[in-house]
Amino acid sequence: MDNGIQIAIDGPAAAGKSTIAKITASKLGYTYIDTGAMYRALTYKALEEHIDVYNDDALVSLLEGIVIDLLPSEEGQIVRVNGEDITEAIRSQEVTSNVSATAAQPRVRKMMVEKQRLLATTKGVVMDGRDIGTAVLPDAELKIFMTASVEERAARRFAENNTRGIHRSMEELCQDIATRDKADTERKASPLKQASDAVFIDTTSMTIEEVADTIIQHAEKRKQR
């Protein structure tokens, strides 16, 4: 792909990053990398093995001993750890409630950034997360920071949970998201923040297709430079 670029998409929980990144990558013929799934995979294994999600050393040791694979499929990205398909398991409420703690550990973050950079060594990639434009791909040709109101993000998570058989009230989800935002923006290791050269997109009143098309328009302009 001679004319491919790196697209970094950041934003808070339930802003629609993964869904929109997948659509954008598919339309451009790019590789999609969900970095959040990598932290969820580590969190899942830590919980399974009764490892403290606040213990940086123990988490690093665990991360060194597992292989996380992100595989494309017609149904979406498949996440495997040591060959085990944990795509649905990492979306559980228990993992969701603990992943911010795992992602806040400095050495874990450093190792993950190294792994994520290796995944993006070729051009033509769309990567989403919390620190892609600021830490993982600081030289990406296009950086996007997307967000939406807490209420809108809670409504999206509510709809997503219903498809997975997870039952949480809107009030609980609003609180969960507000708590996650606080943890992500206040952590010491690569906190969630907008890169100085990122394009800001408020997706509250936009459809998924409108957001994806907006990003693609920006990508086409970057490719012409």
C-alpha atoms as a PDB file:
ATOM      1  CA  MET A   1       0.000   0.000   0.000  1.00  0.00           C
ATOM      2  CA  ASP A   2       2.122   2.881  -1.286  1.00  0.00           C
ATOM      3  CA  ASN A   3      -0.231   5.658  -0.261  1.00  0.00           C
ATOM      4  CA  GLY A   4      -1.326   4.335   3.142  1.00  0.00           C
ATOM      5  CA  ILE A   5      -1.044   6.428   6.283  1.00  0.00           C
ATOM      6  CA  GLN A   6      -1.267   5.868  10.020  1.00  0.00           C
ATOM      7  CA  ILE A   7      -4.539   6.980  11.611  1.00  0.00           C
ATOM      8  CA  ALA A   8      -4.601   7.320  15.400  1.00  0.00           C
ATOM      9  CA  ILE A   9      -8.018   7.514  17.072  1.00  0.00           C
ATOM     10  CA  ASP A  10      -8.283   8.413  20.758  1.00  0.00           C
ATOM     11  CA  GLY A  11     -11.170   9.131  23.075  1.00  0.00           C
ATOM     12  CA  PRO A  12     -12.935   8.133  26.279  1.00  0.00           C
ATOM     13  CA  ALA A  13     -14.912   4.975  26.987  1.00  0.00           C
ATOM     14  CA  ALA A  14     -17.936   4.265  24.762  1.00  0.00           C
ATOM     15  CA  ALA A  15     -17.176   7.146  22.397  1.00  0.00           C
ATOM     16  CA  GLY A  16     -17.557   4.744  19.469  1.00  0.00           C
ATOM     17  CA  LYS A  17     -13.840   4.487  18.689  1.00  0.00           C
ATOM     18  CA  SER A  18     -13.673   0.769  17.938  1.00  0.00           C
ATOM     19  CA  THR A  19     -16.817   0.620  15.800  1.00  0.00           C
ATOM     20  CA  ILE A  20     -15.833   3.665  13.786  1.00  0.00           C
ATOM     21  CA  ALA A  21     -12.180   2.633  13.500  1.00  0.00           C
ATOM     22  CA  LYS A  22     -13.224  -0.759  12.089  1.00  0.00           C
ATOM     23  CA  ILE A  23     -15.513   0.834   9.501  1.00  0.00           C
ATOM     24  CA  THR A  24     -12.876   3.391   8.548  1.00  0.00           C
ATOM     25  CA  ALA A  25     -10.193   0.723   8.162  1.00  0.00           C
ATOM     26  CA  SER A  26     -12.501  -1.449   6.082  1.00  0.00           C
ATOM     27  CA  LYS A  27     -13.436   1.380   3.711  1.00  0.00           C
ATOM     28  CA  LEU A  28      -9.798   2.399   3.258  1.00  0.00           C
ATOM     29  CA  GLY A  29      -8.500  -1.164   3.011  1.00  0.00           C
ATOM     30  CA  TYR A  30      -6.316  -0.586   6.078  1.00  0.00           C
ATOM     31  CA  THR A  31      -5.375  -2.804   9.012  1.00  0.00           C
ATOM     32  CA  TYR A  32      -7.416  -2.208  12.185  1.00  0.00           C
ATOM     33  CA  ILE A  33      -5.791  -2.538  15.636  1.00  0.00           C
ATOM     34  CA  ASP A  34      -7.899  -2.322  18.813  1.00  0.00           C
ATOM     35  CA  THR A  35      -5.401  -1.522  21.572  1.00  0.00           C
ATOM     36  CA  GLY A  36      -8.110  -1.500  24.224  1.00  0.00           C
ATOM     37  CA  ALA A  37      -8.691  -5.197  23.562  1.00  0.00           C
ATOM     38  CA  MET A  38      -5.052  -5.848  24.443  1.00  0.00           C
ATOM     39  CA  TYR A  39      -5.454  -4.275  27.887  1.00  0.00           C
ATOM     40  CA  ARG A  40      -8.732  -6.124  28.350  1.00  0.00           C
ATOM     41  CA  ALA A  41      -7.041  -9.401  27.440  1.00  0.00           C
ATOM     42  CA  LEU A  42      -4.352  -8.841  30.059  1.00  0.00           C
ATOM     43  CA  THR A  43      -6.977  -7.863  32.623  1.00  0.00           C
ATOM     44  CA  TYR A  44      -8.988 -10.986  31.858  1.00  0.00           C
ATOM     45  CA  LYS A  45      -5.955 -13.224  32.403  1.00  0.00           C
ATOM     46  CA  ALA A  46      -5.001 -11.357  35.590  1.00  0.00           C
ATOM     47  CA  LEU A  47      -8.469 -11.873  37.044  1.00  0.00           C
ATOM     48  CA  GLU A  48      -8.469 -15.506  35.943  1.00  0.00           C
ATOM     49  CA  GLU A  49      -5.158 -16.103  37.702  1.00  0.00           C
ATOM     50  CA  HIS A  50      -6.066 -13.986  40.752  1.00  0.00           C
ATOM     51  CA  ILE A  51      -3.354 -11.397  40.078  1.00  0.00           C
ATOM     52  CA  ASP A  52      -3.758  -7.941  41.625  1.00  0.00           C
ATOM     53  CA  VAL A  53      -4.588  -5.493  38.802  1.00  0.00           C
ATOM     54  CA  TYR A  54      -2.698  -2.796  40.717  1.00  0.00           C
ATOM     55  CA  ASN A  55       0.516  -4.863  40.924  1.00  0.00           C
ATOM     56  CA  ASP A  56       2.658  -3.585  38.061  1.00  0.00           C
ATOM     57  CA  ASP A  57       5.422  -6.183  38.493  1.00  0.00           C
ATOM     58  CA  ALA A  58       3.012  -9.120  38.610  1.00  0.00           C
ATOM     59  CA  LEU A  59       1.136  -7.859  35.553  1.00  0.00           C
ATOM     60  CA  VAL A  60       4.365  -7.398  33.582  1.00  0.00           C
ATOM     61  CA  SER A  61       5.401 -10.952  34.467  1.00  0.00           C
ATOM     62  CA  LEU A  62       2.010 -12.199  33.269  1.00  0.00           C
ATOM     63  CA  LEU A  63       2.231 -10.152  30.054  1.00  0.00           C
ATOM     64  CA  GLU A  64       5.677 -11.579  29.310  1.00  0.00           C
ATOM     65  CA  GLY A  65       4.252 -15.098  29.496  1.00  0.00           C
ATOM     66  CA  ILE A  66       1.229 -14.746  27.234  1.00  0.00           C
ATOM     67  CA  VAL A  67       0.663 -14.171  23.516  1.00  0.00           C
ATOM     68  CA  ILE A  68      -2.141 -11.785  22.571  1.00  0.00           C
ATOM     69  CA  ASP A  69      -3.415 -12.109  18.995  1.00  0.00           C
ATOM     70  CA  LEU A  70      -5.798  -9.695  17.272  1.00  0.00           C
ATOM     71  CA  LEU A  71      -7.284 -11.444  14.245  1.00  0.00           C
ATOM     72  CA  PRO A  72      -9.660  -9.968  11.647  1.00  0.00           C
ATOM     73  CA  SER A  73     -12.873 -11.822  10.782  1.00  0.00           C
ATOM     74  CA  GLU A  74     -16.156 -11.106   9.002  1.00  0.00           C
ATOM     75  CA  GLU A  75     -17.856 -10.719  12.409  1.00  0.00           C
ATOM     76  CA  GLY A  76     -15.200  -8.320  13.694  1.00  0.00           C
ATOM     77  CA  GLN A  77     -11.904  -8.624  15.483  1.00  0.00           C
ATOM     78  CA  ILE A  78     -11.157 -11.898  17.276  1.00  0.00           C
ATOM     79  CA  VAL A  79      -9.038 -11.687  20.429  1.00  0.00           C
ATOM     80  CA  ARG A  80      -7.016 -14.684  21.501  1.00  0.00           C
ATOM     81  CA  VAL A  81      -4.635 -15.291  24.397  1.00  0.00           C
ATOM     82  CA  ASN A  82      -2.338 -18.279  24.011  1.00  0.00           C
ATOM     83  CA  GLY A  83      -4.707 -19.577  21.342  1.00  0.00           C
ATOM     84  CA  GLU A  84      -7.879 -19.228  23.439  1.00  0.00           C
ATOM     85  CA  ASP A  85     -10.695 -17.144  21.948  1.00  0.00           C
ATOM     86  CA  ILE A  86     -11.649 -14.598  24.620  1.00  0.00           C
ATOM     87  CA  THR A  87     -13.395 -12.093  22.343  1.00  0.00           C
ATOM     88  CA  GLU A  88     -16.640 -12.090  24.323  1.00  0.00           C
ATOM     89  CA  ALA A  89     -15.083 -12.781  27.736  1.00  0.00           C
ATOM     90  CA  ILE A  90     -13.085  -9.542  27.730  1.00  0.00           C
ATOM     91  CA  ARG A  91     -16.300  -7.521  27.459  1.00  0.00           C
ATOM     92  CA  SER A  92     -17.641  -8.756  30.797  1.00  0.00           C
ATOM     93  CA  GLN A  93     -18.516  -6.252  33.512  1.00  0.00           C
ATOM     94  CA  GLU A  94     -15.738  -7.612  35.732  1.00  0.00           C
ATOM     95  CA  VAL A  95     -13.108  -6.902  33.074  1.00  0.00           C
ATOM     96  CA  THR A  96     -14.625  -3.505  32.275  1.00  0.00           C
ATOM     97  CA  SER A  97     -14.503  -2.527  35.956  1.00  0.00           C
ATOM     98  CA  ASN A  98     -10.820  -3.470  36.291  1.00  0.00           C
ATOM     99  CA  VAL A  99      -9.207  -2.589  32.956  1.00  0.00           C
ATOM    100  CA  SER A 100      -8.474   1.038  33.902  1.00  0.00           C
ATOM    101  CA  ALA A 101      -6.360  -0.176  36.826  1.00  0.00           C
ATOM    102  CA  THR A 102      -4.388  -2.529  34.600  1.00  0.00           C
ATOM    103  CA  ALA A 103      -3.875   0.145  31.939  1.00  0.00           C
ATOM    104  CA  ALA A 104      -2.632   2.649  34.536  1.00  0.00           C
ATOM    105  CA  GLN A 105       0.429   0.585  35.504  1.00  0.00           C
ATOM    106  CA  PRO A 106       3.557   2.293  34.052  1.00  0.00           C
ATOM    107  CA  ARG A 107       5.573  -0.811  33.095  1.00  0.00           C
ATOM    108  CA  VAL A 108       2.513  -2.512  31.626  1.00  0.00           C
ATOM    109  CA  ARG A 109       1.853   0.593  29.574  1.00  0.00           C
ATOM    110  CA  LYS A 110       5.443   0.728  28.335  1.00  0.00           C
ATOM    111  CA  MET A 111       5.367  -2.918  27.217  1.00  0.00           C
ATOM    112  CA  MET A 112       2.009  -2.513  25.514  1.00  0.00           C
ATOM    113  CA  VAL A 113       3.174   0.578  23.627  1.00  0.00           C
ATOM    114  CA  GLU A 114       6.139  -1.388  22.284  1.00  0.00           C
ATOM    115  CA  LYS A 115       3.854  -4.226  21.151  1.00  0.00           C
ATOM    116  CA  GLN A 116       1.413  -1.798  19.554  1.00  0.00           C
ATOM    117  CA  ARG A 117       4.137   0.033  17.650  1.00  0.00           C
ATOM    118  CA  LEU A 118       5.321  -3.276  16.200  1.00  0.00           C
ATOM    119  CA  LEU A 119       1.791  -3.976  14.979  1.00  0.00           C
ATOM    120  CA  ALA A 120       1.770  -0.622  13.174  1.00  0.00           C
ATOM    121  CA  THR A 121       5.137  -0.853  11.447  1.00  0.00           C
ATOM    122  CA  THR A 122       3.515  -0.879   8.012  1.00  0.00           C
ATOM    123  CA  LYS A 123       1.554   1.997   6.554  1.00  0.00           C
ATOM    124  CA  GLY A 124      -2.179   1.793   6.132  1.00  0.00           C
ATOM    125  CA  VAL A 125      -3.279   1.248   9.732  1.00  0.00           C
ATOM    126  CA  VAL A 126      -6.104   2.512  11.930  1.00  0.00           C
ATOM    127  CA  MET A 127      -5.374   2.177  15.645  1.00  0.00           C
ATOM    128  CA  ASP A 128      -7.684   3.261  18.436  1.00  0.00           C
ATOM    129  CA  GLY A 129      -7.195   3.632  22.153  1.00  0.00           C
ATOM    130  CA  ARG A 130      -6.503   6.236  24.822  1.00  0.00           C
ATOM    131  CA  ASP A 131      -2.928   7.326  24.046  1.00  0.00           C
ATOM    132  CA  ILE A 132      -2.375   6.467  20.392  1.00  0.00           C
ATOM    133  CA  GLY A 133      -1.787   9.994  19.118  1.00  0.00           C
ATOM    134  CA  THR A 134       0.179  11.090  22.178  1.00  0.00           C
ATOM    135  CA  ALA A 135       2.325   8.023  22.979  1.00  0.00           C
ATOM    136  CA  VAL A 136       1.974   5.040  20.633  1.00  0.00           C
ATOM    137  CA  LEU A 137       1.985   6.759  17.215  1.00  0.00           C
ATOM    138  CA  PRO A 138       3.022  10.358  17.914  1.00  0.00           C
ATOM    139  CA  ASP A 139       4.053  10.767  14.260  1.00  0.00           C
ATOM    140  CA  ALA A 140       0.799   9.462  12.768  1.00  0.00           C
ATOM    141  CA  GLU A 141      -0.243  11.446   9.703  1.00  0.00           C
ATOM    142  CA  LEU A 142      -3.813  11.755  11.002  1.00  0.00           C
ATOM    143  CA  LYS A 143      -4.857  11.970  14.636  1.00  0.00           C
ATOM    144  CA  ILE A 144      -8.492  11.977  15.731  1.00  0.00           C
ATOM    145  CA  PHE A 145      -9.863  12.703  19.184  1.00  0.00           C
ATOM    146  CA  MET A 146     -13.511  11.736  19.420  1.00  0.00           C
ATOM    147  CA  THR A 147     -15.908  12.027  22.303  1.00  0.00           C
ATOM    148  CA  ALA A 148     -19.615  12.333  23.114  1.00  0.00           C
ATOM    149  CA  SER A 149     -21.679  13.319  26.122  1.00  0.00           C
ATOM    150  CA  VAL A 150     -21.678  10.920  29.077  1.00  0.00           C
ATOM    151  CA  GLU A 151     -25.401  10.322  28.538  1.00  0.00           C
ATOM    152  CA  GLU A 152     -24.933   9.448  24.866  1.00  0.00           C
ATOM    153  CA  ARG A 153     -22.024   7.138  25.644  1.00  0.00           C
ATOM    154  CA  ALA A 154     -24.055   5.421  28.363  1.00  0.00           C
ATOM    155  CA  ALA A 155     -26.922   4.906  25.904  1.00  0.00           C
ATOM    156  CA  ARG A 156     -24.522   3.313  23.404  1.00  0.00           C
ATOM    157  CA  ARG A 157     -23.044   1.040  26.067  1.00  0.00           C
ATOM    158  CA  PHE A 158     -26.592   0.122  27.204  1.00  0.00           C
ATOM    159  CA  ALA A 159     -27.509  -0.965  23.668  1.00  0.00           C
ATOM    160  CA  GLU A 160     -24.239  -2.871  23.297  1.00  0.00           C
ATOM    161  CA  ASN A 161     -24.757  -4.630  26.635  1.00  0.00           C
ATOM    162  CA  ASN A 162     -28.258  -5.719  25.635  1.00  0.00           C
ATOM    163  CA  THR A 163     -26.868  -7.565  22.620  1.00  0.00           C
ATOM    164  CA  ARG A 164     -24.484  -9.395  24.962  1.00  0.00           C
ATOM    165  CA  GLY A 165     -27.087 -10.183  27.610  1.00  0.00           C
ATOM    166  CA  ILE A 166     -25.497  -7.809  30.148  1.00  0.00           C
ATOM    167  CA  HIS A 167     -28.046  -5.932  32.240  1.00  0.00           C
ATOM    168  CA  ARG A 168     -26.985  -2.582  33.698  1.00  0.00           C
ATOM    169  CA  SER A 169     -29.180   0.461  34.260  1.00  0.00           C
ATOM    170  CA  MET A 170     -28.524   3.756  32.502  1.00  0.00           C
ATOM    171  CA  GLU A 171     -27.758   5.351  35.864  1.00  0.00           C
ATOM    172  CA  GLU A 172     -25.140   2.701  36.634  1.00  0.00           C
ATOM    173  CA  LEU A 173     -23.584   3.069  33.196  1.00  0.00           C
ATOM    174  CA  CYS A 174     -23.379   6.862  33.478  1.00  0.00           C
ATOM    175  CA  GLN A 175     -21.583   6.461  36.788  1.00  0.00           C
ATOM    176  CA  ASP A 176     -19.283   3.759  35.394  1.00  0.00           C
ATOM    177  CA  ILE A 177     -18.310   5.934  32.432  1.00  0.00           C
ATOM    178  CA  ALA A 178     -17.734   9.035  34.569  1.00  0.00           C
ATOM    179  CA  THR A 179     -15.524   6.971  36.901  1.00  0.00           C
ATOM    180  CA  ARG A 180     -13.615   5.506  33.949  1.00  0.00           C
ATOM    181  CA  ASP A 181     -13.093   8.989  32.470  1.00  0.00           C
ATOM    182  CA  LYS A 182     -11.634  10.211  35.755  1.00  0.00           C
ATOM    183  CA  ALA A 183      -9.281   7.223  36.018  1.00  0.00           C
ATOM    184  CA  ASP A 184      -8.141   7.503  32.393  1.00  0.00           C
ATOM    185  CA  THR A 185      -7.489  11.242  32.448  1.00  0.00           C
ATOM    186  CA  GLU A 186      -5.794  11.343  35.858  1.00  0.00           C
ATOM    187  CA  ARG A 187      -3.451   8.355  35.614  1.00  0.00           C
ATOM    188  CA  LYS A 188       0.262   9.163  35.604  1.00  0.00           C
ATOM    189  CA  ALA A 189       1.217   6.826  32.743  1.00  0.00           C
ATOM    190  CA  SER A 190       0.040   8.151  29.360  1.00  0.00           C
ATOM    191  CA  PRO A 191      -3.213   9.751  30.517  1.00  0.00           C
ATOM    192  CA  LEU A 192      -6.086  10.234  28.111  1.00  0.00           C
ATOM    193  CA  LYS A 193      -5.739  13.619  26.461  1.00  0.00           C
ATOM    194  CA  GLN A 194      -6.121  15.163  23.027  1.00  0.00           C
ATOM    195  CA  ALA A 195      -2.927  15.458  21.009  1.00  0.00           C
ATOM    196  CA  SER A 196      -2.169  19.067  20.084  1.00  0.00           C
ATOM    197  CA  ASP A 197      -2.488  18.273  16.363  1.00  0.00           C
ATOM    198  CA  ALA A 198      -5.540  15.988  16.589  1.00  0.00           C
ATOM    199  CA  VAL A 199      -8.840  16.650  14.846  1.00  0.00           C
ATOM    200  CA  PHE A 200     -11.612  16.921  17.464  1.00  0.00           C
ATOM    201  CA  ILE A 201     -14.928  15.222  16.665  1.00  0.00           C
ATOM    202  CA  ASP A 202     -17.973  15.336  18.949  1.00  0.00           C
ATOM    203  CA  THR A 203     -20.009  12.305  17.893  1.00  0.00           C
ATOM    204  CA  THR A 204     -23.007  12.975  20.175  1.00  0.00           C
ATOM    205  CA  SER A 205     -25.335  13.955  17.333  1.00  0.00           C
ATOM    206  CA  MET A 206     -23.616  12.075  14.514  1.00  0.00           C
ATOM    207  CA  THR A 207     -24.302   8.656  13.019  1.00  0.00           C
ATOM    208  CA  ILE A 208     -21.553   6.056  12.816  1.00  0.00           C
ATOM    209  CA  GLU A 209     -21.351   6.470   9.049  1.00  0.00           C
ATOM    210  CA  GLU A 210     -21.108  10.259   9.317  1.00  0.00           C
ATOM    211  CA  VAL A 211     -18.167   9.993  11.707  1.00  0.00           C
ATOM    212  CA  ALA A 212     -16.392   7.383   9.571  1.00  0.00           C
ATOM    213  CA  ASP A 213     -16.900   9.475   6.427  1.00  0.00           C
ATOM    214  CA  THR A 214     -15.526  12.562   8.212  1.00  0.00           C
ATOM    215  CA  ILE A 215     -12.369  10.672   9.183  1.00  0.00           C
ATOM    216  CA  ILE A 216     -11.964   9.307   5.661  1.00  0.00           C
ATOM    217  CA  GLN A 217     -12.242  12.833   4.228  1.00  0.00           C
ATOM    218  CA  HIS A 218      -9.436  13.966   6.543  1.00  0.00           C
ATOM    219  CA  ALA A 219      -7.402  10.877   5.595  1.00  0.00           C
ATOM    220  CA  GLU A 220      -7.738  11.583   1.884  1.00  0.00           C
ATOM    221  CA  LYS A 221      -6.447  15.127   2.440  1.00  0.00           C
ATOM    222  CA  ARG A 222      -3.460  13.814   4.441  1.00  0.00           C
ATOM    223  CA  LYS A 223      -2.623  11.281   1.731  1.00  0.00           C
ATOM    224  CA  GLN A 224      -2.381  14.084  -0.840  1.00  0.00           C
ATOM    225  CA  ARG A 225       0.226  15.993   1.148  1.00  0.00           C
END
